[in-house]
């Protein structure tokens, strides 16, 4: 699954320097000179990647500026269901997901979490925190990262947080104050996270409590194969980079320049380009075919969901709205 133009935030936003990580999950340790230098290199490379692709990773609008018809974010009166104006309500969409057991679509945004069960979107809980990396880990179980909302107490960045009640309440699993995951993916045998603070891929074999460092890279998004623990893809400058060793190393990029990726349970990988073209790969990213296009401008999120009817659903967020495709991207309609 893919969560947000989760790749890189510009240095003027709330992405401060992070500490080095205790991979046992105990938390931060004192950064060394080498760590500070690596973070500086990562920040510069991240900013360069964003500039090269012309991306704005999250809005600087306040909740009042980005509100719906009533002036509040997530107002459920019409525009959220219209697709073409939904994204403006949230400032920026960082991730989408679906709980297939409940039929609920979740939208993780710059101003909190929202959900839809087929109608207009409604806020989940009372927090306006900035949710970055986001994924549905199971029925009613959500994982995320990001930053506290206005007036909230707690570490910044949040590290890894978990909800076991469909987003109503959240618990910190670890890495608070140290890691801002801009992407979280459920793989075959681990949760994968792209640590944008430090420019590394991390993996957790126990649902997000303990993490080990894999490869260093500057990426916009990642995708992990749902049935092959060795395969991870990343969107990087020049195309899509592939790993055959669980993200410890990546080959040279190939294929189209994509911003977001998502690996469906049937083995097909989906991607979206800067101009909204939708692509699919049936050979683990070795080749890509365009399947369709999404309206609304710059992409913000892409998530593939295995449908019980054997077709593949795609959830798509662009700067102009929220959309869904139930035919692998060939046709796209506003998210109702």
C-alpha atoms as a PDB file:
ATOM      1  CA  UNK A   1       0.000   0.000   0.000  1.00  0.00           C
ATOM      2  CA  UNK A   2       1.034   3.411  -0.502  1.00  0.00           C
ATOM      3  CA  UNK A   3       0.519   6.363   1.682  1.00  0.00           C
ATOM      4  CA  UNK A   4       0.758   9.976   0.499  1.00  0.00           C
ATOM      5  CA  UNK A   5       3.290  11.746  -1.720  1.00  0.00           C
ATOM      6  CA  UNK A   6       4.956  10.385   1.253  1.00  0.00           C
ATOM      7  CA  UNK A   7       8.353  10.738  -0.169  1.00  0.00           C
ATOM      8  CA  UNK A   8      10.059  13.920   0.931  1.00  0.00           C
ATOM      9  CA  UNK A   9       8.974  17.036   2.703  1.00  0.00           C
ATOM     10  CA  UNK A  10      10.712  20.315   2.044  1.00  0.00           C
ATOM     11  CA  UNK A  11      13.048  21.602   4.751  1.00  0.00           C
ATOM     12  CA  UNK A  12      10.742  24.505   5.648  1.00  0.00           C
ATOM     13  CA  UNK A  13       8.057  22.196   7.042  1.00  0.00           C
ATOM     14  CA  UNK A  14       7.940  20.298  10.325  1.00  0.00           C
ATOM     15  CA  UNK A  15      10.625  17.752   9.552  1.00  0.00           C
ATOM     16  CA  UNK A  16      13.428  18.494  11.970  1.00  0.00           C
ATOM     17  CA  UNK A  17      16.686  16.573  12.296  1.00  0.00           C
ATOM     18  CA  UNK A  18      16.362  13.149  13.842  1.00  0.00           C
ATOM     19  CA  UNK A  19      18.550  11.140  16.198  1.00  0.00           C
ATOM     20  CA  UNK A  20      20.167   7.855  15.359  1.00  0.00           C
ATOM     21  CA  UNK A  21      17.978   4.853  16.041  1.00  0.00           C
ATOM     22  CA  UNK A  22      18.324   2.088  18.572  1.00  0.00           C
ATOM     23  CA  UNK A  23      17.139  -0.807  16.405  1.00  0.00           C
ATOM     24  CA  UNK A  24      16.016  -2.751  19.465  1.00  0.00           C
ATOM     25  CA  UNK A  25      13.092  -0.339  19.587  1.00  0.00           C
ATOM     26  CA  UNK A  26      14.177   1.341  22.824  1.00  0.00           C
ATOM     27  CA  UNK A  27      14.321   4.796  21.267  1.00  0.00           C
ATOM     28  CA  UNK A  28      16.823   7.471  20.297  1.00  0.00           C
ATOM     29  CA  UNK A  29      20.504   7.652  21.124  1.00  0.00           C
ATOM     30  CA  UNK A  30      22.845  10.598  20.911  1.00  0.00           C
ATOM     31  CA  UNK A  31      23.635  11.495  17.294  1.00  0.00           C
ATOM     32  CA  UNK A  32      27.265  11.328  16.224  1.00  0.00           C
ATOM     33  CA  UNK A  33      29.068  13.675  13.845  1.00  0.00           C
ATOM     34  CA  UNK A  34      28.696  11.021  11.142  1.00  0.00           C
ATOM     35  CA  UNK A  35      24.950  10.833  11.807  1.00  0.00           C
ATOM     36  CA  UNK A  36      24.588  14.611  11.550  1.00  0.00           C
ATOM     37  CA  UNK A  37      26.518  14.630   8.286  1.00  0.00           C
ATOM     38  CA  UNK A  38      24.371  11.836   6.888  1.00  0.00           C
ATOM     39  CA  UNK A  39      21.209  13.675   7.906  1.00  0.00           C
ATOM     40  CA  UNK A  40      22.487  16.841   6.205  1.00  0.00           C
ATOM     41  CA  UNK A  41      23.232  14.903   3.021  1.00  0.00           C
ATOM     42  CA  UNK A  42      19.822  13.248   3.164  1.00  0.00           C
ATOM     43  CA  UNK A  43      18.032  16.574   3.686  1.00  0.00           C
ATOM     44  CA  UNK A  44      19.822  18.118   0.724  1.00  0.00           C
ATOM     45  CA  UNK A  45      19.148  15.100  -1.494  1.00  0.00           C
ATOM     46  CA  UNK A  46      15.521  15.036  -0.377  1.00  0.00           C
ATOM     47  CA  UNK A  47      15.016  18.699  -1.190  1.00  0.00           C
ATOM     48  CA  UNK A  48      16.711  18.212  -4.561  1.00  0.00           C
ATOM     49  CA  UNK A  49      14.453  15.249  -5.384  1.00  0.00           C
ATOM     50  CA  UNK A  50      11.314  17.195  -4.517  1.00  0.00           C
ATOM     51  CA  UNK A  51      12.491  20.173  -6.568  1.00  0.00           C
ATOM     52  CA  UNK A  52      13.432  17.975  -9.526  1.00  0.00           C
ATOM     53  CA  UNK A  53       9.979  16.398  -9.609  1.00  0.00           C
ATOM     54  CA  UNK A  54       8.169  19.652  -8.920  1.00  0.00           C
ATOM     55  CA  UNK A  55       6.424  18.191  -5.872  1.00  0.00           C
ATOM     56  CA  UNK A  56       4.998  19.850  -2.794  1.00  0.00           C
ATOM     57  CA  UNK A  57       4.796  17.138  -0.194  1.00  0.00           C
ATOM     58  CA  UNK A  58       2.322  18.771   2.144  1.00  0.00           C
ATOM     59  CA  UNK A  59       0.314  21.939   2.356  1.00  0.00           C
ATOM     60  CA  UNK A  60       1.188  24.803   4.658  1.00  0.00           C
ATOM     61  CA  UNK A  61      -2.477  25.814   4.911  1.00  0.00           C
ATOM     62  CA  UNK A  62      -4.012  26.048   8.351  1.00  0.00           C
ATOM     63  CA  UNK A  63      -7.085  23.944   9.179  1.00  0.00           C
ATOM     64  CA  UNK A  64      -9.232  27.035   8.790  1.00  0.00           C
ATOM     65  CA  UNK A  65      -7.774  27.795   5.376  1.00  0.00           C
ATOM     66  CA  UNK A  66      -8.254  24.231   4.181  1.00  0.00           C
ATOM     67  CA  UNK A  67     -11.747  23.663   5.538  1.00  0.00           C
ATOM     68  CA  UNK A  68     -14.774  22.497   3.625  1.00  0.00           C
ATOM     69  CA  UNK A  69     -18.048  24.315   3.121  1.00  0.00           C
ATOM     70  CA  UNK A  70     -18.404  25.013   6.810  1.00  0.00           C
ATOM     71  CA  UNK A  71     -14.813  26.225   7.086  1.00  0.00           C
ATOM     72  CA  UNK A  72     -13.652  23.179   9.036  1.00  0.00           C
ATOM     73  CA  UNK A  73     -11.452  20.368   7.749  1.00  0.00           C
ATOM     74  CA  UNK A  74     -13.372  17.222   6.979  1.00  0.00           C
ATOM     75  CA  UNK A  75     -16.758  18.889   6.801  1.00  0.00           C
ATOM     76  CA  UNK A  76     -18.973  16.213   5.302  1.00  0.00           C
ATOM     77  CA  UNK A  77     -21.259  18.524   3.334  1.00  0.00           C
ATOM     78  CA  UNK A  78     -20.846  17.614  -0.277  1.00  0.00           C
ATOM     79  CA  UNK A  79     -17.365  18.552  -1.414  1.00  0.00           C
ATOM     80  CA  UNK A  80     -15.644  15.560   0.167  1.00  0.00           C
ATOM     81  CA  UNK A  81     -17.796  13.277  -1.929  1.00  0.00           C
ATOM     82  CA  UNK A  82     -17.292  15.321  -5.074  1.00  0.00           C
ATOM     83  CA  UNK A  83     -13.740  14.136  -5.671  1.00  0.00           C
ATOM     84  CA  UNK A  84     -12.622  17.249  -7.514  1.00  0.00           C
ATOM     85  CA  UNK A  85     -12.431  19.400  -4.371  1.00  0.00           C
ATOM     86  CA  UNK A  86     -11.971  16.904  -1.558  1.00  0.00           C
ATOM     87  CA  UNK A  87      -8.212  17.268  -1.126  1.00  0.00           C
ATOM     88  CA  UNK A  88      -8.531  20.982  -0.394  1.00  0.00           C
ATOM     89  CA  UNK A  89     -10.328  20.112   2.834  1.00  0.00           C
ATOM     90  CA  UNK A  90      -7.319  18.403   4.309  1.00  0.00           C
ATOM     91  CA  UNK A  91      -4.358  20.544   3.228  1.00  0.00           C
ATOM     92  CA  UNK A  92      -2.685  17.416   1.864  1.00  0.00           C
ATOM     93  CA  UNK A  93      -3.493  13.704   1.716  1.00  0.00           C
ATOM     94  CA  UNK A  94      -0.585  11.578   2.896  1.00  0.00           C
ATOM     95  CA  UNK A  95      -2.121   8.129   2.611  1.00  0.00           C
ATOM     96  CA  UNK A  96      -5.203   6.049   1.938  1.00  0.00           C
ATOM     97  CA  UNK A  97      -6.254   2.553   2.902  1.00  0.00           C
ATOM     98  CA  UNK A  98      -9.232   0.279   3.210  1.00  0.00           C
ATOM     99  CA  UNK A  99     -10.357  -2.135   5.893  1.00  0.00           C
ATOM    100  CA  UNK A 100     -11.984  -4.785   3.669  1.00  0.00           C
ATOM    101  CA  UNK A 101     -13.636  -6.478   6.646  1.00  0.00           C
ATOM    102  CA  UNK A 102     -15.614  -3.317   7.416  1.00  0.00           C
ATOM    103  CA  UNK A 103     -15.710  -1.765   3.949  1.00  0.00           C
ATOM    104  CA  UNK A 104     -14.254   1.466   5.359  1.00  0.00           C
ATOM    105  CA  UNK A 105     -11.929   3.707   3.353  1.00  0.00           C
ATOM    106  CA  UNK A 106      -9.456   5.731   5.438  1.00  0.00           C
ATOM    107  CA  UNK A 107      -7.788   8.969   4.375  1.00  0.00           C
ATOM    108  CA  UNK A 108      -4.726  10.078   6.373  1.00  0.00           C
ATOM    109  CA  UNK A 109      -4.124  13.799   5.996  1.00  0.00           C
ATOM    110  CA  UNK A 110      -2.204  16.856   7.119  1.00  0.00           C
ATOM    111  CA  UNK A 111      -5.053  17.580   9.547  1.00  0.00           C
ATOM    112  CA  UNK A 112      -6.048  14.164  10.895  1.00  0.00           C
ATOM    113  CA  UNK A 113      -7.747  10.934   9.870  1.00  0.00           C
ATOM    114  CA  UNK A 114     -11.016  10.678   7.918  1.00  0.00           C
ATOM    115  CA  UNK A 115     -13.147   7.738   6.793  1.00  0.00           C
ATOM    116  CA  UNK A 116     -15.903   6.880   4.357  1.00  0.00           C
ATOM    117  CA  UNK A 117     -18.277   3.930   4.202  1.00  0.00           C
ATOM    118  CA  UNK A 118     -19.649   4.901   0.823  1.00  0.00           C
ATOM    119  CA  UNK A 119     -20.793   8.422   1.591  1.00  0.00           C
ATOM    120  CA  UNK A 120     -19.150  11.694   2.515  1.00  0.00           C
ATOM    121  CA  UNK A 121     -15.961  11.637   4.557  1.00  0.00           C
ATOM    122  CA  UNK A 122     -16.120  12.141   8.317  1.00  0.00           C
ATOM    123  CA  UNK A 123     -13.348  12.827  10.831  1.00  0.00           C
ATOM    124  CA  UNK A 124     -12.154   9.913  12.970  1.00  0.00           C
ATOM    125  CA  UNK A 125     -11.420  10.846  16.578  1.00  0.00           C
ATOM    126  CA  UNK A 126     -10.694  14.367  17.756  1.00  0.00           C
ATOM    127  CA  UNK A 127      -7.021  14.674  16.807  1.00  0.00           C
ATOM    128  CA  UNK A 128      -5.780  16.965  14.064  1.00  0.00           C
ATOM    129  CA  UNK A 129      -2.329  15.387  13.969  1.00  0.00           C
ATOM    130  CA  UNK A 130      -0.341  15.319  10.745  1.00  0.00           C
ATOM    131  CA  UNK A 131      -0.413  11.665   9.706  1.00  0.00           C
ATOM    132  CA  UNK A 132       2.385  10.779   7.294  1.00  0.00           C
ATOM    133  CA  UNK A 133       3.158   7.117   6.563  1.00  0.00           C
ATOM    134  CA  UNK A 134      -0.101   5.171   6.940  1.00  0.00           C
ATOM    135  CA  UNK A 135      -1.360   1.640   6.380  1.00  0.00           C
ATOM    136  CA  UNK A 136      -4.201  -0.668   7.372  1.00  0.00           C
ATOM    137  CA  UNK A 137      -2.550  -3.575   9.185  1.00  0.00           C
ATOM    138  CA  UNK A 138      -5.685  -5.636   9.853  1.00  0.00           C
ATOM    139  CA  UNK A 139      -9.375  -5.363  10.732  1.00  0.00           C
ATOM    140  CA  UNK A 140      -9.623  -2.185  12.801  1.00  0.00           C
ATOM    141  CA  UNK A 141      -5.799  -2.006  13.107  1.00  0.00           C
ATOM    142  CA  UNK A 142      -3.985   1.032  11.682  1.00  0.00           C
ATOM    143  CA  UNK A 143      -0.319   2.053  11.693  1.00  0.00           C
ATOM    144  CA  UNK A 144       0.927   5.575  11.094  1.00  0.00           C
ATOM    145  CA  UNK A 145       3.691   8.080  11.688  1.00  0.00           C
ATOM    146  CA  UNK A 146       3.880  11.854  11.484  1.00  0.00           C
ATOM    147  CA  UNK A 147       3.641  14.837  13.833  1.00  0.00           C
ATOM    148  CA  UNK A 148       1.449  15.984  16.728  1.00  0.00           C
ATOM    149  CA  UNK A 149      -1.532  18.172  15.977  1.00  0.00           C
ATOM    150  CA  UNK A 150      -2.015  21.736  17.275  1.00  0.00           C
ATOM    151  CA  UNK A 151      -1.869  21.733  21.072  1.00  0.00           C
ATOM    152  CA  UNK A 152      -1.069  18.011  21.343  1.00  0.00           C
ATOM    153  CA  UNK A 153       1.567  16.807  23.756  1.00  0.00           C
ATOM    154  CA  UNK A 154       3.994  14.105  22.742  1.00  0.00           C
ATOM    155  CA  UNK A 155       7.157  13.431  20.779  1.00  0.00           C
ATOM    156  CA  UNK A 156       7.749  15.103  17.439  1.00  0.00           C
ATOM    157  CA  UNK A 157       8.028  13.215  15.181  1.00  0.00           C
ATOM    158  CA  UNK A 158       5.573  10.617  16.464  1.00  0.00           C
ATOM    159  CA  UNK A 159       7.643   7.575  15.533  1.00  0.00           C
ATOM    160  CA  UNK A 160       5.312   4.620  14.984  1.00  0.00           C
ATOM    161  CA  UNK A 161       1.785   4.793  16.375  1.00  0.00           C
ATOM    162  CA  UNK A 162      -0.911   2.127  16.309  1.00  0.00           C
ATOM    163  CA  UNK A 163      -4.678   2.177  16.589  1.00  0.00           C
ATOM    164  CA  UNK A 164      -6.594  -0.992  17.415  1.00  0.00           C
ATOM    165  CA  UNK A 165     -10.010   0.675  17.426  1.00  0.00           C
ATOM    166  CA  UNK A 166     -10.224   1.900  13.817  1.00  0.00           C
ATOM    167  CA  UNK A 167      -8.473   5.197  14.456  1.00  0.00           C
ATOM    168  CA  UNK A 168     -10.362   6.440  17.502  1.00  0.00           C
ATOM    169  CA  UNK A 169      -7.326   6.216  19.801  1.00  0.00           C
ATOM    170  CA  UNK A 170      -3.594   5.713  19.194  1.00  0.00           C
ATOM    171  CA  UNK A 171      -0.694   4.192  21.126  1.00  0.00           C
ATOM    172  CA  UNK A 172       3.003   4.822  20.519  1.00  0.00           C
ATOM    173  CA  UNK A 173       4.869   1.657  19.566  1.00  0.00           C
ATOM    174  CA  UNK A 174       8.325   3.251  19.517  1.00  0.00           C
ATOM    175  CA  UNK A 175      10.846   5.582  17.857  1.00  0.00           C
ATOM    176  CA  UNK A 176       9.022   8.679  19.112  1.00  0.00           C
ATOM    177  CA  UNK A 177      11.093  11.824  18.636  1.00  0.00           C
ATOM    178  CA  UNK A 178      13.461  10.019  16.275  1.00  0.00           C
ATOM    179  CA  UNK A 179      11.746   8.827  13.101  1.00  0.00           C
ATOM    180  CA  UNK A 180       9.238  10.265  10.648  1.00  0.00           C
ATOM    181  CA  UNK A 181       8.152   7.405   8.396  1.00  0.00           C
ATOM    182  CA  UNK A 182       6.868   8.877   5.138  1.00  0.00           C
ATOM    183  CA  UNK A 183       5.784   5.414   3.968  1.00  0.00           C
ATOM    184  CA  UNK A 184       4.634   2.299   5.816  1.00  0.00           C
ATOM    185  CA  UNK A 185       4.041  -0.980   3.986  1.00  0.00           C
ATOM    186  CA  UNK A 186       2.923  -4.430   5.097  1.00  0.00           C
ATOM    187  CA  UNK A 187       5.208  -6.957   3.408  1.00  0.00           C
ATOM    188  CA  UNK A 188       5.301 -10.737   3.388  1.00  0.00           C
ATOM    189  CA  UNK A 189       7.129 -11.056   6.711  1.00  0.00           C
ATOM    190  CA  UNK A 190       7.649  -7.514   8.003  1.00  0.00           C
ATOM    191  CA  UNK A 191       6.388  -3.974   8.152  1.00  0.00           C
ATOM    192  CA  UNK A 192       8.581  -1.748   5.998  1.00  0.00           C
ATOM    193  CA  UNK A 193       9.039   1.946   6.632  1.00  0.00           C
ATOM    194  CA  UNK A 194      10.833   4.648   4.715  1.00  0.00           C
ATOM    195  CA  UNK A 195      12.540   6.789   7.366  1.00  0.00           C
ATOM    196  CA  UNK A 196      12.639  10.193   5.695  1.00  0.00           C
ATOM    197  CA  UNK A 197      14.366  11.755   8.703  1.00  0.00           C
ATOM    198  CA  UNK A 198      17.491   9.668   8.189  1.00  0.00           C
ATOM    199  CA  UNK A 199      17.149   8.530   4.567  1.00  0.00           C
ATOM    200  CA  UNK A 200      16.992   4.782   5.242  1.00  0.00           C
ATOM    201  CA  UNK A 201      14.617   1.886   4.764  1.00  0.00           C
ATOM    202  CA  UNK A 202      13.705   0.082   7.988  1.00  0.00           C
ATOM    203  CA  UNK A 203      11.902  -3.200   8.623  1.00  0.00           C
ATOM    204  CA  UNK A 204       9.997  -4.502  11.638  1.00  0.00           C
ATOM    205  CA  UNK A 205       9.284  -8.230  12.020  1.00  0.00           C
ATOM    206  CA  UNK A 206       6.915  -7.708  14.963  1.00  0.00           C
ATOM    207  CA  UNK A 207       4.295  -5.282  13.733  1.00  0.00           C
ATOM    208  CA  UNK A 208       6.196  -2.040  14.326  1.00  0.00           C
ATOM    209  CA  UNK A 209       7.657  -2.436  17.810  1.00  0.00           C
ATOM    210  CA  UNK A 210      11.262  -3.181  16.897  1.00  0.00           C
ATOM    211  CA  UNK A 211      13.062  -2.039  13.767  1.00  0.00           C
ATOM    212  CA  UNK A 212      16.234  -2.920  11.912  1.00  0.00           C
ATOM    213  CA  UNK A 213      17.998  -0.736   9.382  1.00  0.00           C
ATOM    214  CA  UNK A 214      18.079  -1.953   5.794  1.00  0.00           C
ATOM    215  CA  UNK A 215      19.377   0.146   2.856  1.00  0.00           C
ATOM    216  CA  UNK A 216      20.133   3.859   2.585  1.00  0.00           C
ATOM    217  CA  UNK A 217      18.238   5.697  -0.151  1.00  0.00           C
ATOM    218  CA  UNK A 218      16.368   8.877  -0.993  1.00  0.00           C
ATOM    219  CA  UNK A 219      12.890   7.918  -2.163  1.00  0.00           C
ATOM    220  CA  UNK A 220       9.386   9.218  -2.579  1.00  0.00           C
ATOM    221  CA  UNK A 221       7.602   5.935  -1.906  1.00  0.00           C
ATOM    222  CA  UNK A 222       8.105   2.212  -1.370  1.00  0.00           C
ATOM    223  CA  UNK A 223       6.141  -0.957  -2.088  1.00  0.00           C
ATOM    224  CA  UNK A 224       6.694  -4.384  -0.536  1.00  0.00           C
ATOM    225  CA  UNK A 225       5.655  -7.643  -2.178  1.00  0.00           C
ATOM    226  CA  UNK A 226       2.822  -9.240  -0.183  1.00  0.00           C
ATOM    227  CA  UNK A 227       4.034 -12.810  -0.802  1.00  0.00           C
ATOM    228  CA  UNK A 228       7.804 -12.480  -1.342  1.00  0.00           C
ATOM    229  CA  UNK A 229       9.882 -11.226   1.619  1.00  0.00           C
ATOM    230  CA  UNK A 230      12.842 -10.407  -0.634  1.00  0.00           C
ATOM    231  CA  UNK A 231      11.133  -7.926  -2.971  1.00  0.00           C
ATOM    232  CA  UNK A 232      10.871  -4.204  -2.296  1.00  0.00           C
ATOM    233  CA  UNK A 233      10.474  -1.360  -4.814  1.00  0.00           C
ATOM    234  CA  UNK A 234      11.166   2.354  -4.358  1.00  0.00           C
ATOM    235  CA  UNK A 235      10.436   5.431  -6.451  1.00  0.00           C
ATOM    236  CA  UNK A 236      13.717   7.316  -6.833  1.00  0.00           C
ATOM    237  CA  UNK A 237      15.131   9.877  -9.290  1.00  0.00           C
ATOM    238  CA  UNK A 238      15.180   8.220 -12.705  1.00  0.00           C
ATOM    239  CA  UNK A 239      12.461   5.639 -12.175  1.00  0.00           C
ATOM    240  CA  UNK A 240      11.783   2.653  -9.934  1.00  0.00           C
ATOM    241  CA  UNK A 241      14.592   0.925  -8.027  1.00  0.00           C
ATOM    242  CA  UNK A 242      14.213  -2.752  -7.149  1.00  0.00           C
ATOM    243  CA  UNK A 243      15.577  -4.762  -4.240  1.00  0.00           C
ATOM    244  CA  UNK A 244      15.814  -8.557  -4.199  1.00  0.00           C
ATOM    245  CA  UNK A 245      17.220  -8.816  -0.656  1.00  0.00           C
ATOM    246  CA  UNK A 246      14.498  -7.289   1.490  1.00  0.00           C
ATOM    247  CA  UNK A 247      15.536  -3.697   0.919  1.00  0.00           C
ATOM    248  CA  UNK A 248      19.159  -4.036   1.964  1.00  0.00           C
ATOM    249  CA  UNK A 249      20.345  -2.939  -1.478  1.00  0.00           C
ATOM    250  CA  UNK A 250      18.691  -1.530  -4.594  1.00  0.00           C
ATOM    251  CA  UNK A 251      19.557  -1.738  -8.271  1.00  0.00           C
ATOM    252  CA  UNK A 252      19.674   1.138 -10.726  1.00  0.00           C
ATOM    253  CA  UNK A 253      16.277   2.717 -11.451  1.00  0.00           C
ATOM    254  CA  UNK A 254      14.341   1.698 -14.553  1.00  0.00           C
ATOM    255  CA  UNK A 255      10.950   2.370 -16.075  1.00  0.00           C
ATOM    256  CA  UNK A 256       8.804   5.507 -15.859  1.00  0.00           C
ATOM    257  CA  UNK A 257       9.316   8.236 -13.276  1.00  0.00           C
ATOM    258  CA  UNK A 258       6.643   7.427 -10.708  1.00  0.00           C
ATOM    259  CA  UNK A 259       5.774   9.177  -7.467  1.00  0.00           C
ATOM    260  CA  UNK A 260       3.712   6.503  -5.712  1.00  0.00           C
ATOM    261  CA  UNK A 261       3.603   2.710  -5.754  1.00  0.00           C
ATOM    262  CA  UNK A 262       1.331   0.010  -4.379  1.00  0.00           C
ATOM    263  CA  UNK A 263       1.654  -3.771  -4.586  1.00  0.00           C
ATOM    264  CA  UNK A 264      -1.667  -5.588  -4.880  1.00  0.00           C
ATOM    265  CA  UNK A 265      -2.269  -8.996  -3.337  1.00  0.00           C
ATOM    266  CA  UNK A 266      -2.552 -10.593  -6.790  1.00  0.00           C
ATOM    267  CA  UNK A 267       1.086  -9.690  -7.512  1.00  0.00           C
ATOM    268  CA  UNK A 268       0.503  -6.682  -9.763  1.00  0.00           C
ATOM    269  CA  UNK A 269       2.319  -3.462  -8.833  1.00  0.00           C
ATOM    270  CA  UNK A 270       0.603  -0.166  -9.568  1.00  0.00           C
ATOM    271  CA  UNK A 271       2.180   3.257  -9.897  1.00  0.00           C
ATOM    272  CA  UNK A 272       1.248   6.821 -10.708  1.00  0.00           C
ATOM    273  CA  UNK A 273       3.362   9.417 -12.469  1.00  0.00           C
ATOM    274  CA  UNK A 274       3.709  13.121 -11.800  1.00  0.00           C
ATOM    275  CA  UNK A 275       1.101  13.928 -14.457  1.00  0.00           C
ATOM    276  CA  UNK A 276      -1.422  11.404 -13.077  1.00  0.00           C
ATOM    277  CA  UNK A 277      -0.879   8.539 -15.519  1.00  0.00           C
ATOM    278  CA  UNK A 278      -1.560   5.138 -13.950  1.00  0.00           C
ATOM    279  CA  UNK A 279       0.785   2.222 -14.654  1.00  0.00           C
ATOM    280  CA  UNK A 280       0.792  -1.498 -13.864  1.00  0.00           C
ATOM    281  CA  UNK A 281       3.578  -4.065 -13.726  1.00  0.00           C
ATOM    282  CA  UNK A 282       2.964  -7.805 -13.705  1.00  0.00           C
ATOM    283  CA  UNK A 283       6.670  -8.675 -13.424  1.00  0.00           C
ATOM    284  CA  UNK A 284       7.689  -7.032 -10.138  1.00  0.00           C
ATOM    285  CA  UNK A 285       8.566  -3.691 -11.706  1.00  0.00           C
ATOM    286  CA  UNK A 286      10.672  -4.955 -14.611  1.00  0.00           C
ATOM    287  CA  UNK A 287       8.249  -3.489 -17.171  1.00  0.00           C
ATOM    288  CA  UNK A 288       5.283  -1.153 -16.985  1.00  0.00           C
ATOM    289  CA  UNK A 289       2.141  -0.582 -19.042  1.00  0.00           C
ATOM    290  CA  UNK A 290      -0.090   2.470 -18.798  1.00  0.00           C
ATOM    291  CA  UNK A 291      -3.628   1.513 -17.768  1.00  0.00           C
ATOM    292  CA  UNK A 292      -5.314   4.891 -17.429  1.00  0.00           C
ATOM    293  CA  UNK A 293      -5.056   8.286 -15.793  1.00  0.00           C
ATOM    294  CA  UNK A 294      -6.324  10.071 -12.701  1.00  0.00           C
ATOM    295  CA  UNK A 295      -7.688  13.628 -12.838  1.00  0.00           C
ATOM    296  CA  UNK A 296      -7.010  16.462 -10.468  1.00  0.00           C
ATOM    297  CA  UNK A 297      -3.333  17.350 -10.847  1.00  0.00           C
ATOM    298  CA  UNK A 298      -0.327  16.233  -8.806  1.00  0.00           C
ATOM    299  CA  UNK A 299      -0.601  12.780  -7.185  1.00  0.00           C
ATOM    300  CA  UNK A 300      -0.639  12.486  -3.405  1.00  0.00           C
ATOM    301  CA  UNK A 301      -1.482   8.845  -2.646  1.00  0.00           C
ATOM    302  CA  UNK A 302      -2.098   5.504  -4.315  1.00  0.00           C
ATOM    303  CA  UNK A 303      -3.278   2.282  -2.674  1.00  0.00           C
ATOM    304  CA  UNK A 304      -4.188  -1.018  -4.310  1.00  0.00           C
ATOM    305  CA  UNK A 305      -6.758  -3.188  -2.587  1.00  0.00           C
ATOM    306  CA  UNK A 306      -7.522  -6.825  -3.438  1.00  0.00           C
ATOM    307  CA  UNK A 307     -11.243  -6.991  -4.110  1.00  0.00           C
ATOM    308  CA  UNK A 308     -13.185 -10.137  -3.093  1.00  0.00           C
ATOM    309  CA  UNK A 309     -14.576 -10.183  -6.640  1.00  0.00           C
ATOM    310  CA  UNK A 310     -11.036 -10.782  -8.013  1.00  0.00           C
ATOM    311  CA  UNK A 311     -10.696  -7.357  -9.638  1.00  0.00           C
ATOM    312  CA  UNK A 312      -8.310  -4.796  -8.197  1.00  0.00           C
ATOM    313  CA  UNK A 313      -9.475  -1.605  -6.565  1.00  0.00           C
ATOM    314  CA  UNK A 314      -7.267   1.474  -6.546  1.00  0.00           C
ATOM    315  CA  UNK A 315      -7.663   4.382  -4.156  1.00  0.00           C
ATOM    316  CA  UNK A 316      -6.121   7.565  -5.534  1.00  0.00           C
ATOM    317  CA  UNK A 317      -5.567  11.047  -4.122  1.00  0.00           C
ATOM    318  CA  UNK A 318      -4.445  13.971  -6.247  1.00  0.00           C
ATOM    319  CA  UNK A 319      -4.212  17.664  -5.463  1.00  0.00           C
ATOM    320  CA  UNK A 320      -7.735  17.999  -6.865  1.00  0.00           C
ATOM    321  CA  UNK A 321      -9.587  15.166  -5.168  1.00  0.00           C
ATOM    322  CA  UNK A 322     -10.081  11.605  -4.002  1.00  0.00           C
ATOM    323  CA  UNK A 323     -10.877   8.870  -6.504  1.00  0.00           C
ATOM    324  CA  UNK A 324     -11.428   5.149  -6.875  1.00  0.00           C
ATOM    325  CA  UNK A 325     -10.928   2.723  -9.736  1.00  0.00           C
ATOM    326  CA  UNK A 326     -12.395  -0.770  -9.641  1.00  0.00           C
ATOM    327  CA  UNK A 327     -10.849  -1.899 -12.918  1.00  0.00           C
ATOM    328  CA  UNK A 328      -7.102  -1.490 -12.314  1.00  0.00           C
ATOM    329  CA  UNK A 329      -7.073   2.166 -13.356  1.00  0.00           C
ATOM    330  CA  UNK A 330      -8.888   1.927 -16.675  1.00  0.00           C
ATOM    331  CA  UNK A 331     -11.712   4.109 -15.362  1.00  0.00           C
ATOM    332  CA  UNK A 332     -11.647   6.454 -12.380  1.00  0.00           C
ATOM    333  CA  UNK A 333     -14.589   7.922 -10.474  1.00  0.00           C
ATOM    334  CA  UNK A 334     -14.792  10.306  -7.494  1.00  0.00           C
ATOM    335  CA  UNK A 335     -14.671   8.575  -4.136  1.00  0.00           C
ATOM    336  CA  UNK A 336     -18.262   8.630  -2.885  1.00  0.00           C
END
